[in-house]
Amino acid sequence: MRTRTPSHKAVPAHSGQGQLRIIGGQWRSRQFDFPMAHGLRPTPNRVRETLFNWLAPYVEGAKVLDVFAGSGALFLEALSRGAAFCLFVETDEAARGAIRHNIESMGLFGATRVHRRDATDLGARPASAGPAFDLAFLDPPYRKALGETALQRLVKGGWVVPGAIGVFERARDEPDPEIAGWTLIDARDYGAARVLFFKAT
């Protein structure tokens, strides 16, 4: 569900708008726009539904970090289902603009914040980000080892609490990685995608 810079897929000119639908929670069935760009890969509705069924015990009241925010589908779904706050990291200007528009239309400014930075080079968590996060989404470009690097940096930089859940989407034919600071606790396949569920150790 991602776009450009070292942490995103190469994206030529944007070409119109796409739409996605929130699957559950207080904004169930609400549609939102995202920029149709080559390389943007929003997580499909069916996959998000299954993913959030798995995450149900962890979402209510959670502080969420979406480090390859793209269309914003994952963190909007989390907020709809009761997450308390979301910080999204996105470098693509068009994607950030669409996310801000959706945040405004849903009245979510108090529950969200944007961090414009390379997701693989976040550094130490700044005081402005508040307490560490309970749940992290990572849906980077496939086969570039960006998600693995970002997960390591989240632990090293103090971005996540011990026991935090990391949700990492990658290509199904890639081997499951071993990532320092995280333990793989589950994995689910969806077509060409594989979603890995990690816990911060």
Protein backbone atom coordinates (compact mmCIF):
# COMPACT_ATOMS: atom_id res chain seq x y z
CA MET A 1 0.00 0.00 0.00
CA ARG A 2 2.97 2.19 -0.45
CA THR A 3 4.67 4.77 -2.62
CA ARG A 4 8.15 6.38 -2.87
CA THR A 5 11.66 7.44 -1.48
CA PRO A 6 14.09 4.89 -0.05
CA SER A 7 11.14 3.47 1.91
CA HIS A 8 8.67 3.38 -0.97
CA LYS A 9 8.12 2.10 -4.46
CA ALA A 10 9.03 4.28 -7.43
CA VAL A 11 5.98 6.30 -8.39
CA PRO A 12 5.51 8.22 -11.62
CA ALA A 13 2.77 10.81 -12.04
CA HIS A 14 -0.41 10.19 -10.09
CA SER A 15 -3.41 9.35 -12.23
CA GLY A 16 -6.68 10.01 -10.45
CA GLN A 17 -8.22 8.63 -7.30
CA GLY A 18 -9.08 5.18 -6.04
CA GLN A 19 -11.48 4.26 -3.25
CA LEU A 20 -11.35 1.86 -0.35
CA ARG A 21 -13.92 0.97 2.27
CA ILE A 22 -13.54 0.73 6.04
CA ILE A 23 -14.55 -2.80 7.02
CA GLY A 24 -15.50 -2.55 10.69
CA GLY A 25 -16.01 -0.29 13.69
CA GLN A 26 -17.71 3.08 13.99
CA TRP A 27 -17.03 4.05 10.35
CA ARG A 28 -17.94 0.68 8.89
CA SER A 29 -18.73 0.86 5.15
CA ARG A 30 -17.42 4.43 4.88
CA GLN A 31 -15.38 4.97 1.74
CA PHE A 32 -12.24 7.06 1.46
CA ASP A 33 -10.07 8.19 -1.45
CA PHE A 34 -6.41 7.52 -2.11
CA PRO A 35 -4.17 8.59 -5.04
CA MET A 36 -3.97 6.06 -7.88
CA ALA A 37 -0.23 5.84 -8.40
CA HIS A 38 1.87 3.14 -9.99
CA GLY A 39 3.36 1.16 -7.13
CA LEU A 40 0.72 2.02 -4.54
CA ARG A 41 -0.59 -1.26 -3.17
CA PRO A 42 -3.50 -0.78 -0.74
CA THR A 43 -4.30 -3.80 1.41
CA PRO A 44 -7.54 -5.24 -0.08
CA ASN A 45 -10.79 -5.15 1.91
CA ARG A 46 -10.90 -8.93 2.37
CA VAL A 47 -7.35 -9.07 3.68
CA ARG A 48 -7.93 -6.18 6.09
CA GLU A 49 -11.03 -7.88 7.45
CA THR A 50 -9.14 -11.10 8.20
CA LEU A 51 -6.13 -9.21 9.54
CA PHE A 52 -8.21 -7.16 11.98
CA ASN A 53 -10.10 -10.22 13.14
CA TRP A 54 -6.71 -11.56 14.26
CA LEU A 55 -5.80 -8.19 15.81
CA ALA A 56 -9.09 -7.74 17.69
CA PRO A 57 -7.57 -8.27 21.18
CA TYR A 58 -4.86 -5.66 20.52
CA VAL A 59 -6.60 -2.72 18.81
CA GLU A 60 -8.95 -1.19 21.41
CA GLY A 61 -7.20 1.75 23.05
CA ALA A 62 -3.91 1.03 21.26
CA LYS A 63 -1.37 3.60 20.20
CA VAL A 64 -0.69 2.75 16.54
CA LEU A 65 2.29 3.44 14.28
CA ASP A 66 1.93 3.06 10.49
CA VAL A 67 5.42 3.47 9.05
CA PHE A 68 4.61 2.96 5.35
CA ALA A 69 1.23 4.66 5.48
CA GLY A 70 0.45 4.85 1.73
CA SER A 71 -3.35 4.95 1.34
CA GLY A 72 -3.89 5.07 5.12
CA ALA A 73 -6.20 2.05 5.00
CA LEU A 74 -4.64 0.22 7.93
CA PHE A 75 -4.52 3.01 10.47
CA LEU A 76 -8.00 4.31 9.48
CA GLU A 77 -9.32 0.80 10.05
CA ALA A 78 -7.57 0.68 13.43
CA LEU A 79 -9.00 4.03 14.52
CA SER A 80 -12.46 2.96 13.39
CA ARG A 81 -12.12 -0.10 15.62
CA GLY A 82 -11.15 1.81 18.74
CA ALA A 83 -7.43 2.57 18.56
CA ALA A 84 -6.62 5.66 20.64
CA PHE A 85 -4.02 7.36 18.44
CA CYS A 86 -2.03 6.87 15.24
CA LEU A 87 1.23 8.33 14.01
CA PHE A 88 1.72 7.74 10.30
CA VAL A 89 5.02 7.94 8.47
CA GLU A 90 4.79 8.77 4.77
CA THR A 91 7.17 10.60 2.42
CA ASP A 92 5.01 10.83 -0.72
CA GLU A 93 3.33 14.25 -0.95
CA ALA A 94 0.17 13.10 -2.77
CA ALA A 95 -0.37 10.23 -0.33
CA ARG A 96 0.07 12.55 2.66
CA GLY A 97 -2.39 15.01 1.15
CA ALA A 98 -5.02 12.30 0.67
CA ILE A 99 -4.48 11.02 4.22
CA ARG A 100 -4.84 14.52 5.65
CA HIS A 101 -8.05 15.02 3.68
CA ASN A 102 -9.50 11.78 5.05
CA ILE A 103 -8.41 12.66 8.59
CA GLU A 104 -10.11 16.05 8.29
CA SER A 105 -13.33 14.61 6.85
CA MET A 106 -13.53 12.15 9.76
CA GLY A 107 -12.60 14.70 12.42
CA LEU A 108 -9.49 12.79 13.47
CA PHE A 109 -6.88 15.55 13.84
CA GLY A 110 -6.68 15.04 17.62
CA ALA A 111 -6.08 11.31 17.19
CA THR A 112 -3.42 11.42 14.47
CA ARG A 113 -0.06 12.93 13.61
CA VAL A 114 2.18 12.77 10.55
CA HIS A 115 5.93 12.10 10.61
CA ARG A 116 7.57 12.89 7.28
CA ARG A 117 10.66 10.73 7.33
CA ASP A 118 12.23 7.67 5.73
CA ALA A 119 10.65 4.70 7.52
CA THR A 120 13.99 2.84 7.55
CA ASP A 121 15.81 5.71 9.28
CA LEU A 122 13.49 6.93 12.03
CA GLY A 123 16.19 7.41 14.65
CA ALA A 124 15.26 7.77 18.32
CA ARG A 125 11.61 8.44 19.17
CA PRO A 126 11.25 12.20 19.77
CA ALA A 127 9.40 13.57 22.77
CA SER A 128 6.79 15.01 20.39
CA ALA A 129 5.75 11.46 19.45
CA GLY A 130 4.59 10.81 23.02
CA PRO A 131 4.72 7.38 24.70
CA ALA A 132 5.91 4.34 22.77
CA PHE A 133 3.51 2.43 20.51
CA ASP A 134 1.53 -0.77 21.07
CA LEU A 135 0.88 -1.74 17.44
CA ALA A 136 2.95 -1.15 14.30
CA PHE A 137 1.93 -1.68 10.66
CA LEU A 138 4.54 -2.19 7.95
CA ASP A 139 3.55 -2.71 4.31
CA PRO A 140 6.68 -1.72 2.38
CA PRO A 141 7.66 -2.50 -1.21
CA TYR A 142 8.38 -6.18 -1.63
CA ARG A 143 11.84 -7.73 -1.87
CA LYS A 144 13.84 -4.70 -0.68
CA ALA A 145 14.36 -5.65 3.00
CA LEU A 146 12.83 -2.33 4.00
CA GLY A 147 10.37 -3.81 6.48
CA GLU A 148 13.06 -5.83 8.22
CA THR A 149 15.21 -2.72 8.61
CA ALA A 150 12.27 -0.62 9.80
CA LEU A 151 11.28 -3.18 12.43
CA GLN A 152 14.82 -3.25 13.80
CA ARG A 153 14.88 0.55 13.97
CA LEU A 154 11.54 0.66 15.79
CA VAL A 155 13.02 -1.39 18.63
CA LYS A 156 16.41 0.35 18.61
CA GLY A 157 14.81 3.81 18.61
CA GLY A 158 12.39 3.06 21.43
CA TRP A 159 9.31 3.44 19.22
CA VAL A 160 7.47 0.36 20.53
CA VAL A 161 6.69 -0.99 24.00
CA PRO A 162 7.78 -4.48 25.07
CA GLY A 163 5.11 -6.88 23.86
CA ALA A 164 4.04 -4.58 21.01
CA ILE A 165 2.60 -6.28 17.92
CA GLY A 166 4.25 -5.70 14.54
CA VAL A 167 2.22 -6.51 11.41
CA PHE A 168 4.49 -6.91 8.38
CA GLU A 169 3.24 -7.63 4.85
CA ARG A 170 5.67 -9.05 2.29
CA ALA A 171 5.69 -11.28 -0.79
CA ARG A 172 4.47 -14.82 -0.15
CA ASP A 173 7.48 -16.39 -1.85
CA GLU A 174 9.99 -14.59 0.39
CA PRO A 175 11.37 -16.59 3.34
CA ASP A 176 10.23 -15.53 6.80
CA PRO A 177 12.92 -13.29 8.29
CA GLU A 178 14.52 -13.41 11.72
CA ILE A 179 14.50 -9.87 13.10
CA ALA A 180 16.42 -8.80 16.19
CA GLY A 181 14.11 -7.62 18.94
CA TRP A 182 11.04 -9.39 17.54
CA THR A 183 9.56 -12.90 17.78
CA LEU A 184 7.40 -14.25 14.95
CA ILE A 185 4.12 -15.46 16.49
CA ASP A 186 1.91 -16.09 13.45
CA ALA A 187 1.79 -15.84 9.65
CA ARG A 188 -1.10 -15.76 7.17
CA ASP A 189 -1.07 -16.05 3.36
CA TYR A 190 -3.38 -13.98 1.15
CA GLY A 191 -2.84 -14.59 -2.56
CA ALA A 192 0.63 -13.29 -3.44
CA ALA A 193 1.02 -11.63 -0.02
CA ARG A 194 2.10 -13.04 3.33
CA VAL A 195 1.36 -11.18 6.56
CA LEU A 196 3.69 -11.84 9.48
CA PHE A 197 2.72 -11.07 13.07
CA PHE A 198 5.63 -10.26 15.38
CA LYS A 199 5.84 -9.47 19.08
CA ALA A 200 8.50 -7.11 20.44
CA THR A 201 10.70 -8.98 22.92
